[in-house]
N, C-alpha and C. Protein backbone atom coordinates (compact mmCIF):
# COMPACT_ATOMS: atom_id res chain seq x y z
N UNK A 1 0.84 -1.17 0.00
CA UNK A 1 0.00 0.00 0.00
C UNK A 1 0.89 1.24 0.00
N UNK A 2 0.44 2.26 -0.71
CA UNK A 2 1.18 3.52 -0.78
C UNK A 2 0.22 4.65 -0.42
N UNK A 3 0.67 5.52 0.48
CA UNK A 3 -0.16 6.62 0.97
C UNK A 3 0.58 7.93 0.81
N UNK A 4 -0.16 8.99 0.46
CA UNK A 4 0.43 10.32 0.45
C UNK A 4 -0.17 11.12 1.60
N UNK A 5 0.69 11.74 2.39
CA UNK A 5 0.25 12.59 3.49
C UNK A 5 0.68 14.02 3.21
N UNK A 6 -0.21 14.97 3.50
CA UNK A 6 0.08 16.38 3.31
C UNK A 6 0.02 17.08 4.66
N UNK A 7 1.11 17.76 5.03
CA UNK A 7 1.15 18.49 6.30
C UNK A 7 1.48 19.95 6.03
N UNK A 8 1.07 20.81 6.97
CA UNK A 8 1.37 22.22 6.79
C UNK A 8 1.18 23.05 8.04
N UNK A 9 0.37 22.56 8.98
CA UNK A 9 0.10 23.30 10.21
C UNK A 9 0.38 22.41 11.42
N UNK A 10 0.57 23.05 12.55
CA UNK A 10 0.96 22.36 13.78
C UNK A 10 0.14 21.09 14.08
N UNK A 11 -1.20 21.14 14.07
CA UNK A 11 -1.96 19.92 14.38
C UNK A 11 -1.66 18.77 13.41
N UNK A 12 -1.40 19.11 12.16
CA UNK A 12 -1.11 18.07 11.16
C UNK A 12 0.25 17.43 11.42
N UNK A 13 1.23 18.21 11.86
CA UNK A 13 2.55 17.65 12.17
C UNK A 13 2.44 16.65 13.31
N UNK A 14 1.68 17.01 14.33
CA UNK A 14 1.53 16.13 15.50
C UNK A 14 0.85 14.83 15.10
N UNK A 15 -0.20 14.90 14.32
CA UNK A 15 -0.89 13.70 13.84
C UNK A 15 0.01 12.86 12.94
N UNK A 16 0.76 13.54 12.10
CA UNK A 16 1.65 12.84 11.16
C UNK A 16 2.73 12.05 11.88
N UNK A 17 3.23 12.56 12.99
CA UNK A 17 4.27 11.85 13.75
C UNK A 17 3.75 10.48 14.18
N UNK A 18 2.51 10.43 14.63
CA UNK A 18 1.89 9.16 15.05
C UNK A 18 1.68 8.26 13.83
N UNK A 19 1.21 8.83 12.75
CA UNK A 19 0.97 8.04 11.53
C UNK A 19 2.25 7.44 10.98
N UNK A 20 3.35 8.20 11.01
CA UNK A 20 4.62 7.68 10.49
C UNK A 20 5.03 6.43 11.24
N UNK A 21 4.86 6.42 12.55
CA UNK A 21 5.20 5.22 13.34
C UNK A 21 4.36 4.04 12.88
N UNK A 22 3.06 4.26 12.68
CA UNK A 22 2.16 3.19 12.24
C UNK A 22 2.56 2.68 10.85
N UNK A 23 2.86 3.59 9.95
CA UNK A 23 3.24 3.18 8.59
C UNK A 23 4.51 2.35 8.59
N UNK A 24 5.48 2.74 9.39
CA UNK A 24 6.75 2.00 9.47
C UNK A 24 6.51 0.60 10.03
N UNK A 25 5.74 0.50 11.11
CA UNK A 25 5.47 -0.79 11.75
C UNK A 25 4.71 -1.74 10.83
N UNK A 26 3.88 -1.18 9.96
CA UNK A 26 3.03 -1.99 9.09
C UNK A 26 3.50 -2.03 7.64
N UNK A 27 4.74 -1.63 7.41
CA UNK A 27 5.35 -1.69 6.09
C UNK A 27 4.50 -1.01 5.01
N UNK A 28 4.00 0.18 5.35
CA UNK A 28 3.21 0.97 4.42
C UNK A 28 4.10 2.08 3.88
N UNK A 29 4.16 2.18 2.57
CA UNK A 29 5.00 3.21 1.94
C UNK A 29 4.25 4.54 1.95
N UNK A 30 4.94 5.58 2.40
CA UNK A 30 4.32 6.90 2.49
C UNK A 30 5.13 7.92 1.71
N UNK A 31 4.41 8.77 0.99
CA UNK A 31 5.02 9.94 0.35
C UNK A 31 4.55 11.13 1.19
N UNK A 32 5.51 11.84 1.78
CA UNK A 32 5.18 12.96 2.66
C UNK A 32 5.38 14.28 1.92
N UNK A 33 4.31 15.08 1.88
CA UNK A 33 4.33 16.38 1.20
C UNK A 33 4.11 17.47 2.25
N UNK A 34 4.97 18.46 2.23
CA UNK A 34 4.87 19.60 3.14
C UNK A 34 4.37 20.79 2.32
N UNK A 35 3.31 21.44 2.77
CA UNK A 35 2.76 22.57 2.02
C UNK A 35 3.73 23.75 1.98
N UNK A 36 4.57 23.87 3.00
CA UNK A 36 5.51 24.99 3.05
C UNK A 36 4.85 26.30 3.41
N UNK A 37 3.63 26.22 3.96
CA UNK A 37 2.93 27.46 4.30
C UNK A 37 3.60 28.21 5.44
N UNK A 38 4.34 27.50 6.28
CA UNK A 38 5.10 28.15 7.34
C UNK A 38 6.58 27.96 7.04
N UNK A 39 7.28 29.02 6.80
CA UNK A 39 8.70 28.92 6.44
C UNK A 39 9.61 29.28 7.60
N UNK A 40 9.04 29.56 8.76
CA UNK A 40 9.81 29.87 9.96
C UNK A 40 10.19 28.56 10.66
N UNK A 41 11.41 28.47 11.17
CA UNK A 41 11.88 27.25 11.85
C UNK A 41 10.93 26.82 12.95
N UNK A 42 10.46 27.78 13.76
CA UNK A 42 9.61 27.45 14.91
C UNK A 42 8.20 27.01 14.51
N UNK A 43 7.84 27.20 13.29
CA UNK A 43 6.51 26.79 12.84
C UNK A 43 6.55 25.61 11.87
N UNK A 44 7.72 25.08 11.61
CA UNK A 44 7.82 24.01 10.63
C UNK A 44 8.92 23.01 10.98
N UNK A 45 10.16 23.36 10.72
CA UNK A 45 11.27 22.42 10.89
C UNK A 45 11.39 21.87 12.30
N UNK A 46 11.03 22.67 13.29
CA UNK A 46 11.16 22.22 14.67
C UNK A 46 10.33 20.95 14.91
N UNK A 47 9.20 20.82 14.25
CA UNK A 47 8.35 19.64 14.45
C UNK A 47 9.02 18.37 13.92
N UNK A 48 9.69 18.48 12.80
CA UNK A 48 10.39 17.32 12.27
C UNK A 48 11.46 16.86 13.25
N UNK A 49 12.14 17.82 13.84
CA UNK A 49 13.23 17.50 14.77
C UNK A 49 12.70 16.96 16.10
N UNK A 50 11.81 17.71 16.74
CA UNK A 50 11.32 17.35 18.08
C UNK A 50 10.49 16.07 18.06
N UNK A 51 9.68 15.89 17.03
CA UNK A 51 8.81 14.71 16.96
C UNK A 51 9.49 13.52 16.30
N UNK A 52 10.72 13.70 15.85
CA UNK A 52 11.46 12.59 15.25
C UNK A 52 10.91 12.17 13.90
N UNK A 53 10.33 13.12 13.19
CA UNK A 53 9.76 12.81 11.88
C UNK A 53 10.83 12.87 10.80
N UNK A 54 10.63 12.08 9.75
CA UNK A 54 11.55 12.14 8.62
C UNK A 54 11.23 13.39 7.81
N UNK A 55 12.19 13.82 7.03
CA UNK A 55 12.00 14.99 6.18
C UNK A 55 10.99 14.67 5.08
N UNK A 56 10.25 15.67 4.63
CA UNK A 56 9.26 15.42 3.57
C UNK A 56 9.92 15.08 2.23
N UNK A 57 9.20 14.32 1.44
CA UNK A 57 9.67 13.98 0.10
C UNK A 57 9.55 15.19 -0.83
N UNK A 58 8.54 15.99 -0.59
CA UNK A 58 8.30 17.18 -1.42
C UNK A 58 7.90 18.35 -0.52
N UNK A 59 8.28 19.56 -0.93
CA UNK A 59 7.87 20.77 -0.25
C UNK A 59 7.29 21.70 -1.31
N UNK A 60 6.03 22.07 -1.15
CA UNK A 60 5.36 22.91 -2.14
C UNK A 60 5.74 24.38 -2.02
N UNK A 61 6.34 24.77 -0.90
CA UNK A 61 6.82 26.15 -0.69
C UNK A 61 5.77 27.21 -1.03
N UNK A 62 4.54 27.01 -0.58
CA UNK A 62 3.50 27.98 -0.90
C UNK A 62 3.64 29.28 -0.12
N UNK A 63 4.36 29.26 0.99
CA UNK A 63 4.54 30.48 1.78
C UNK A 63 3.25 30.91 2.45
N UNK A 64 3.24 32.11 2.95
CA UNK A 64 2.04 32.59 3.65
C UNK A 64 1.62 33.95 3.12
N UNK A 65 1.76 34.15 1.83
CA UNK A 65 1.37 35.41 1.22
C UNK A 65 -0.14 35.54 1.10
N UNK A 66 -0.56 36.61 0.51
CA UNK A 66 -1.97 36.86 0.29
C UNK A 66 -2.56 35.78 -0.62
N UNK A 67 -3.81 35.44 -0.37
CA UNK A 67 -4.47 34.44 -1.21
C UNK A 67 -4.56 34.93 -2.66
N UNK A 68 -4.57 36.23 -2.85
CA UNK A 68 -4.64 36.79 -4.21
C UNK A 68 -3.45 36.36 -5.06
N UNK A 69 -2.34 36.17 -4.39
CA UNK A 69 -1.12 35.74 -5.09
C UNK A 69 -1.35 34.42 -5.83
N UNK A 70 -2.22 33.58 -5.28
CA UNK A 70 -2.45 32.25 -5.84
C UNK A 70 -3.67 32.19 -6.75
N UNK A 71 -4.58 33.16 -6.63
CA UNK A 71 -5.82 33.11 -7.38
C UNK A 71 -5.88 34.06 -8.57
N UNK A 72 -5.22 35.19 -8.47
CA UNK A 72 -5.31 36.22 -9.50
C UNK A 72 -4.10 36.12 -10.43
N UNK A 73 -4.34 35.99 -11.73
CA UNK A 73 -3.20 35.93 -12.67
C UNK A 73 -2.35 37.20 -12.57
N UNK A 74 -1.06 37.04 -12.65
CA UNK A 74 -0.14 38.18 -12.54
C UNK A 74 0.07 38.83 -13.89
């Protein structure tokens, strides 16, 4: 089985840490995607370190700019 997980906010990181343990124990392949909505160490990278999570396979680097940046053509 192969699963893709998407994380981006504090509650998702905490849930993902538990899920990663389950996936490893049950030989489930996971692709981890980080939205990149928080680019500050204290709002993102710290969770990977403190919770012992592996680094994401992909980072979308969406940042935290105005929603118009993503919806309105430039």
